Amino acid sequence: MTNAIRYGKGPIRLRMIRQATLICEVFDASSTAPHLRRARTFDEGGRGLLLVAQLANRWGTRHTREGKVI
């Protein structure tokens, strides 16, 4: 969510769906796809998607006419 606020375009939306598992979707109006990177020890950012990738069963990006969903 923080990455969408910091780098994306509004409107920004969060959708959480609870079924057998929890699905968390973040939407923003930017079409720029995110990329996973490895932050160095003293970097202040760059860990968001890495944390998501480590904690989630799976993650990805879906593009829509209005932007993208991660």
PDB file of N, CA and C in Angstrom:
ATOM      1  N   MET A   1       0.823  -1.186   0.000  1.00  0.00           N
ATOM      2  CA  MET A   1       0.000   0.000   0.000  1.00  0.00           C
ATOM      3  C   MET A   1       0.871   1.255   0.000  1.00  0.00           C
ATOM      4  N   THR A   2       1.937   1.206   0.766  1.00  0.00           N
ATOM      5  CA  THR A   2       2.828   2.363   0.841  1.00  0.00           C
ATOM      6  C   THR A   2       3.426   2.686  -0.525  1.00  0.00           C
ATOM      7  N   ASN A   3       3.823   1.678  -1.280  1.00  0.00           N
ATOM      8  CA  ASN A   3       4.390   1.914  -2.611  1.00  0.00           C
ATOM      9  C   ASN A   3       3.376   2.581  -3.529  1.00  0.00           C
ATOM     10  N   ALA A   4       2.119   2.168  -3.452  1.00  0.00           N
ATOM     11  CA  ALA A   4       1.084   2.774  -4.284  1.00  0.00           C
ATOM     12  C   ALA A   4       0.910   4.247  -3.930  1.00  0.00           C
ATOM     13  N   ILE A   5       0.932   4.554  -2.648  1.00  0.00           N
ATOM     14  CA  ILE A   5       0.791   5.944  -2.210  1.00  0.00           C
ATOM     15  C   ILE A   5       1.998   6.767  -2.654  1.00  0.00           C
ATOM     16  N   ARG A   6       3.169   6.177  -2.518  1.00  0.00           N
ATOM     17  CA  ARG A   6       4.398   6.915  -2.804  1.00  0.00           C
ATOM     18  C   ARG A   6       4.678   7.065  -4.301  1.00  0.00           C
ATOM     19  N   TYR A   7       4.454   5.999  -5.079  1.00  0.00           N
ATOM     20  CA  TYR A   7       4.869   6.001  -6.476  1.00  0.00           C
ATOM     21  C   TYR A   7       3.720   5.939  -7.478  1.00  0.00           C
ATOM     22  N   GLY A   8       2.548   5.519  -7.050  1.00  0.00           N
ATOM     23  CA  GLY A   8       1.432   5.347  -7.977  1.00  0.00           C
ATOM     24  C   GLY A   8       0.666   6.624  -8.219  1.00  0.00           C
ATOM     25  N   LYS A   9      -0.397   6.497  -9.007  1.00  0.00           N
ATOM     26  CA  LYS A   9      -1.298   7.619  -9.295  1.00  0.00           C
ATOM     27  C   LYS A   9      -2.640   7.311  -8.654  1.00  0.00           C
ATOM     28  N   GLY A  10      -3.294   8.338  -8.149  1.00  0.00           N
ATOM     29  CA  GLY A  10      -4.610   8.164  -7.565  1.00  0.00           C
ATOM     30  C   GLY A  10      -5.669   7.957  -8.624  1.00  0.00           C
ATOM     31  N   PRO A  11      -6.786   7.416  -8.285  1.00  0.00           N
ATOM     32  CA  PRO A  11      -7.151   6.976  -6.948  1.00  0.00           C
ATOM     33  C   PRO A  11      -6.464   5.663  -6.586  1.00  0.00           C
ATOM     34  N   ILE A  12      -6.207   5.494  -5.319  1.00  0.00           N
ATOM     35  CA  ILE A  12      -5.584   4.272  -4.800  1.00  0.00           C
ATOM     36  C   ILE A  12      -6.617   3.567  -3.932  1.00  0.00           C
ATOM     37  N   ARG A  13      -6.762   2.272  -4.174  1.00  0.00           N
ATOM     38  CA  ARG A  13      -7.762   1.500  -3.424  1.00  0.00           C
ATOM     39  C   ARG A  13      -7.133   0.236  -2.871  1.00  0.00           C
ATOM     40  N   LEU A  14      -7.637  -0.198  -1.744  1.00  0.00           N
ATOM     41  CA  LEU A  14      -7.231  -1.450  -1.118  1.00  0.00           C
ATOM     42  C   LEU A  14      -8.464  -2.329  -1.036  1.00  0.00           C
ATOM     43  N   ARG A  15      -8.334  -3.580  -1.453  1.00  0.00           N
ATOM     44  CA  ARG A  15      -9.436  -4.531  -1.360  1.00  0.00           C
ATOM     45  C   ARG A  15      -8.904  -5.788  -0.691  1.00  0.00           C
ATOM     46  N   MET A  16      -9.588  -6.227   0.354  1.00  0.00           N
ATOM     47  CA  MET A  16      -9.202  -7.451   1.061  1.00  0.00           C
ATOM     48  C   MET A  16     -10.376  -8.419   0.987  1.00  0.00           C
ATOM     49  N   ILE A  17     -10.077  -9.644   0.564  1.00  0.00           N
ATOM     50  CA  ILE A  17     -11.093 -10.675   0.403  1.00  0.00           C
ATOM     51  C   ILE A  17     -10.706 -11.850   1.293  1.00  0.00           C
ATOM     52  N   ARG A  18     -11.591 -12.208   2.202  1.00  0.00           N
ATOM     53  CA  ARG A  18     -11.313 -13.340   3.088  1.00  0.00           C
ATOM     54  C   ARG A  18     -12.126 -14.535   2.638  1.00  0.00           C
ATOM     55  N   GLN A  19     -11.429 -15.561   2.172  1.00  0.00           N
ATOM     56  CA  GLN A  19     -12.051 -16.831   1.798  1.00  0.00           C
ATOM     57  C   GLN A  19     -11.283 -17.900   2.556  1.00  0.00           C
ATOM     58  N   ALA A  20     -10.829 -18.931   1.871  1.00  0.00           N
ATOM     59  CA  ALA A  20      -9.961 -19.921   2.512  1.00  0.00           C
ATOM     60  C   ALA A  20      -8.618 -19.292   2.863  1.00  0.00           C
ATOM     61  N   THR A  21      -8.227 -18.300   2.062  1.00  0.00           N
ATOM     62  CA  THR A  21      -7.016 -17.515   2.322  1.00  0.00           C
ATOM     63  C   THR A  21      -7.388 -16.037   2.244  1.00  0.00           C
ATOM     64  N   LEU A  22      -6.494 -15.190   2.675  1.00  0.00           N
ATOM     65  CA  LEU A  22      -6.718 -13.752   2.588  1.00  0.00           C
ATOM     66  C   LEU A  22      -6.094 -13.231   1.303  1.00  0.00           C
ATOM     67  N   ILE A  23      -6.888 -12.538   0.509  1.00  0.00           N
ATOM     68  CA  ILE A  23      -6.406 -11.910  -0.711  1.00  0.00           C
ATOM     69  C   ILE A  23      -6.397 -10.408  -0.466  1.00  0.00           C
ATOM     70  N   CYS A  24      -5.257  -9.796  -0.698  1.00  0.00           N
ATOM     71  CA  CYS A  24      -5.106  -8.355  -0.502  1.00  0.00           C
ATOM     72  C   CYS A  24      -4.705  -7.754  -1.842  1.00  0.00           C
ATOM     73  N   GLU A  25      -5.538  -6.866  -2.375  1.00  0.00           N
ATOM     74  CA  GLU A  25      -5.258  -6.230  -3.654  1.00  0.00           C
ATOM     75  C   GLU A  25      -5.115  -4.727  -3.460  1.00  0.00           C
ATOM     76  N   VAL A  26      -4.087  -4.166  -4.080  1.00  0.00           N
ATOM     77  CA  VAL A  26      -3.881  -2.718  -4.065  1.00  0.00           C
ATOM     78  C   VAL A  26      -3.981  -2.237  -5.506  1.00  0.00           C
ATOM     79  N   PHE A  27      -4.876  -1.280  -5.746  1.00  0.00           N
ATOM     80  CA  PHE A  27      -5.098  -0.724  -7.072  1.00  0.00           C
ATOM     81  C   PHE A  27      -4.574   0.702  -7.119  1.00  0.00           C
ATOM     82  N   ASP A  28      -3.905   1.052  -8.218  1.00  0.00           N
ATOM     83  CA  ASP A  28      -3.602   2.458  -8.484  1.00  0.00           C
ATOM     84  C   ASP A  28      -3.717   2.705  -9.982  1.00  0.00           C
ATOM     85  N   ALA A  29      -3.805   3.961 -10.372  1.00  0.00           N
ATOM     86  CA  ALA A  29      -4.074   4.328 -11.760  1.00  0.00           C
ATOM     87  C   ALA A  29      -2.835   4.354 -12.645  1.00  0.00           C
ATOM     88  N   SER A  30      -1.672   4.056 -12.112  1.00  0.00           N
ATOM     89  CA  SER A  30      -0.455   4.020 -12.912  1.00  0.00           C
ATOM     90  C   SER A  30      -0.374   2.698 -13.672  1.00  0.00           C
ATOM     91  N   SER A  31       0.154   2.734 -14.878  1.00  0.00           N
ATOM     92  CA  SER A  31       0.322   1.494 -15.645  1.00  0.00           C
ATOM     93  C   SER A  31       1.725   0.910 -15.488  1.00  0.00           C
ATOM     94  N   THR A  32       2.578   1.573 -14.741  1.00  0.00           N
ATOM     95  CA  THR A  32       3.949   1.108 -14.543  1.00  0.00           C
ATOM     96  C   THR A  32       3.961  -0.145 -13.681  1.00  0.00           C
ATOM     97  N   ALA A  33       4.556  -1.208 -14.199  1.00  0.00           N
ATOM     98  CA  ALA A  33       4.621  -2.472 -13.452  1.00  0.00           C
ATOM     99  C   ALA A  33       5.707  -2.386 -12.375  1.00  0.00           C
ATOM    100  N   PRO A  34       5.431  -2.934 -11.210  1.00  0.00           N
ATOM    101  CA  PRO A  34       6.444  -2.934 -10.155  1.00  0.00           C
ATOM    102  C   PRO A  34       7.512  -3.975 -10.454  1.00  0.00           C
ATOM    103  N   HIS A  35       8.670  -3.837  -9.846  1.00  0.00           N
ATOM    104  CA  HIS A  35       9.697  -4.855 -10.011  1.00  0.00           C
ATOM    105  C   HIS A  35      10.323  -5.162  -8.654  1.00  0.00           C
ATOM    106  N   LEU A  36      10.599  -6.406  -8.463  1.00  0.00           N
ATOM    107  CA  LEU A  36      11.215  -6.890  -7.233  1.00  0.00           C
ATOM    108  C   LEU A  36      12.686  -6.531  -7.258  1.00  0.00           C
ATOM    109  N   ARG A  37      13.163  -5.929  -6.200  1.00  0.00           N
ATOM    110  CA  ARG A  37      14.588  -5.610  -6.130  1.00  0.00           C
ATOM    111  C   ARG A  37      15.101  -5.941  -4.747  1.00  0.00           C
ATOM    112  N   ARG A  38      16.377  -6.048  -4.632  1.00  0.00           N
ATOM    113  CA  ARG A  38      16.997  -6.358  -3.346  1.00  0.00           C
ATOM    114  C   ARG A  38      17.682  -5.113  -2.810  1.00  0.00           C
ATOM    115  N   ALA A  39      17.206  -4.646  -1.688  1.00  0.00           N
ATOM    116  CA  ALA A  39      17.787  -3.453  -1.078  1.00  0.00           C
ATOM    117  C   ALA A  39      19.084  -3.824  -0.370  1.00  0.00           C
ATOM    118  N   ARG A  40      19.999  -2.895  -0.379  1.00  0.00           N
ATOM    119  CA  ARG A  40      21.237  -3.093   0.367  1.00  0.00           C
ATOM    120  C   ARG A  40      20.982  -2.855   1.849  1.00  0.00           C
ATOM    121  N   THR A  41      21.891  -3.219   2.683  1.00  0.00           N
ATOM    122  CA  THR A  41      21.724  -3.159   4.135  1.00  0.00           C
ATOM    123  C   THR A  41      21.277  -1.799   4.634  1.00  0.00           C
ATOM    124  N   PHE A  42      21.855  -0.729   4.134  1.00  0.00           N
ATOM    125  CA  PHE A  42      21.565   0.596   4.661  1.00  0.00           C
ATOM    126  C   PHE A  42      20.561   1.393   3.816  1.00  0.00           C
ATOM    127  N   ASP A  43      19.963   0.772   2.803  1.00  0.00           N
ATOM    128  CA  ASP A  43      18.924   1.445   2.019  1.00  0.00           C
ATOM    129  C   ASP A  43      17.683   1.649   2.883  1.00  0.00           C
ATOM    130  N   GLU A  44      17.043   2.796   2.721  1.00  0.00           N
ATOM    131  CA  GLU A  44      15.843   3.086   3.504  1.00  0.00           C
ATOM    132  C   GLU A  44      14.582   2.523   2.861  1.00  0.00           C
ATOM    133  N   GLY A  45      14.633   2.125   1.630  1.00  0.00           N
ATOM    134  CA  GLY A  45      13.466   1.581   0.936  1.00  0.00           C
ATOM    135  C   GLY A  45      13.870   0.403   0.071  1.00  0.00           C
ATOM    136  N   GLY A  46      12.906  -0.082  -0.696  1.00  0.00           N
ATOM    137  CA  GLY A  46      13.206  -1.154  -1.640  1.00  0.00           C
ATOM    138  C   GLY A  46      12.925  -2.546  -1.140  1.00  0.00           C
ATOM    139  N   ARG A  47      12.215  -2.662  -0.020  1.00  0.00           N
ATOM    140  CA  ARG A  47      11.951  -3.988   0.545  1.00  0.00           C
ATOM    141  C   ARG A  47      10.490  -4.400   0.471  1.00  0.00           C
ATOM    142  N   GLY A  48       9.610  -3.513   0.023  1.00  0.00           N
ATOM    143  CA  GLY A  48       8.178  -3.779   0.054  1.00  0.00           C
ATOM    144  C   GLY A  48       7.770  -5.040  -0.671  1.00  0.00           C
ATOM    145  N   LEU A  49       8.096  -5.137  -1.953  1.00  0.00           N
ATOM    146  CA  LEU A  49       7.708  -6.324  -2.714  1.00  0.00           C
ATOM    147  C   LEU A  49       8.472  -7.566  -2.277  1.00  0.00           C
ATOM    148  N   LEU A  50       9.690  -7.388  -1.811  1.00  0.00           N
ATOM    149  CA  LEU A  50      10.446  -8.533  -1.292  1.00  0.00           C
ATOM    150  C   LEU A  50       9.733  -9.119  -0.075  1.00  0.00           C
ATOM    151  N   LEU A  51       9.250  -8.262   0.805  1.00  0.00           N
ATOM    152  CA  LEU A  51       8.498  -8.739   1.976  1.00  0.00           C
ATOM    153  C   LEU A  51       7.205  -9.428   1.552  1.00  0.00           C
ATOM    154  N   VAL A  52       6.508  -8.839   0.600  1.00  0.00           N
ATOM    155  CA  VAL A  52       5.282  -9.461   0.099  1.00  0.00           C
ATOM    156  C   VAL A  52       5.594 -10.836  -0.478  1.00  0.00           C
ATOM    157  N   ALA A  53       6.637 -10.932  -1.292  1.00  0.00           N
ATOM    158  CA  ALA A  53       7.007 -12.198  -1.919  1.00  0.00           C
ATOM    159  C   ALA A  53       7.372 -13.261  -0.879  1.00  0.00           C
ATOM    160  N   GLN A  54       7.990 -12.851   0.213  1.00  0.00           N
ATOM    161  CA  GLN A  54       8.385 -13.814   1.239  1.00  0.00           C
ATOM    162  C   GLN A  54       7.217 -14.249   2.119  1.00  0.00           C
ATOM    163  N   LEU A  55       6.245 -13.366   2.313  1.00  0.00           N
ATOM    164  CA  LEU A  55       5.132 -13.672   3.210  1.00  0.00           C
ATOM    165  C   LEU A  55       3.916 -14.270   2.500  1.00  0.00           C
ATOM    166  N   ALA A  56       3.780 -14.020   1.217  1.00  0.00           N
ATOM    167  CA  ALA A  56       2.596 -14.467   0.478  1.00  0.00           C
ATOM    168  C   ALA A  56       2.829 -15.824  -0.177  1.00  0.00           C
ATOM    169  N   ASN A  57       1.745 -16.548  -0.379  1.00  0.00           N
ATOM    170  CA  ASN A  57       1.831 -17.789  -1.161  1.00  0.00           C
ATOM    171  C   ASN A  57       2.187 -17.472  -2.601  1.00  0.00           C
ATOM    172  N   ARG A  58       1.621 -16.379  -3.109  1.00  0.00           N
ATOM    173  CA  ARG A  58       1.938 -15.906  -4.458  1.00  0.00           C
ATOM    174  C   ARG A  58       1.499 -14.465  -4.576  1.00  0.00           C
ATOM    175  N   TRP A  59       2.064 -13.754  -5.541  1.00  0.00           N
ATOM    176  CA  TRP A  59       1.690 -12.375  -5.807  1.00  0.00           C
ATOM    177  C   TRP A  59       1.919 -12.092  -7.281  1.00  0.00           C
ATOM    178  N   GLY A  60       1.307 -11.048  -7.770  1.00  0.00           N
ATOM    179  CA  GLY A  60       1.478 -10.691  -9.166  1.00  0.00           C
ATOM    180  C   GLY A  60       0.806  -9.376  -9.476  1.00  0.00           C
ATOM    181  N   THR A  61       0.810  -9.025 -10.746  1.00  0.00           N
ATOM    182  CA  THR A  61       0.225  -7.775 -11.219  1.00  0.00           C
ATOM    183  C   THR A  61      -0.804  -8.081 -12.293  1.00  0.00           C
ATOM    184  N   ARG A  62      -1.927  -7.399 -12.202  1.00  0.00           N
ATOM    185  CA  ARG A  62      -2.982  -7.514 -13.212  1.00  0.00           C
ATOM    186  C   ARG A  62      -3.271  -6.104 -13.716  1.00  0.00           C
ATOM    187  N   HIS A  63      -3.165  -5.915 -15.031  1.00  0.00           N
ATOM    188  CA  HIS A  63      -3.412  -4.590 -15.619  1.00  0.00           C
ATOM    189  C   HIS A  63      -4.892  -4.476 -15.984  1.00  0.00           C
ATOM    190  N   THR A  64      -5.441  -3.299 -15.769  1.00  0.00           N
ATOM    191  CA  THR A  64      -6.829  -3.004 -16.117  1.00  0.00           C
ATOM    192  C   THR A  64      -6.843  -1.759 -16.990  1.00  0.00           C
ATOM    193  N   ARG A  65      -8.011  -1.379 -17.493  1.00  0.00           N
ATOM    194  CA  ARG A  65      -8.117  -0.157 -18.295  1.00  0.00           C
ATOM    195  C   ARG A  65      -7.795   1.079 -17.466  1.00  0.00           C
ATOM    196  N   GLU A  66      -8.047   0.993 -16.159  1.00  0.00           N
ATOM    197  CA  GLU A  66      -7.842   2.153 -15.284  1.00  0.00           C
ATOM    198  C   GLU A  66      -6.471   2.184 -14.619  1.00  0.00           C
ATOM    199  N   GLY A  67      -5.667   1.142 -14.738  1.00  0.00           N
ATOM    200  CA  GLY A  67      -4.374   1.096 -14.082  1.00  0.00           C
ATOM    201  C   GLY A  67      -3.899  -0.322 -13.852  1.00  0.00           C
ATOM    202  N   LYS A  68      -3.549  -0.618 -12.588  1.00  0.00           N
ATOM    203  CA  LYS A  68      -3.070  -1.967 -12.288  1.00  0.00           C
ATOM    204  C   LYS A  68      -3.479  -2.366 -10.881  1.00  0.00           C
ATOM    205  N   VAL A  69      -3.492  -3.674 -10.661  1.00  0.00           N
ATOM    206  CA  VAL A  69      -3.778  -4.257  -9.354  1.00  0.00           C
ATOM    207  C   VAL A  69      -2.603  -5.148  -9.005  1.00  0.00           C
ATOM    208  N   ILE A  70      -2.098  -5.022  -7.789  1.00  0.00           N
ATOM    209  CA  ILE A  70      -1.011  -5.878  -7.321  1.00  0.00           C
ATOM    210  C   ILE A  70      -1.532  -6.698  -6.166  1.00  0.00           C
TER     211      ILE A  70
END
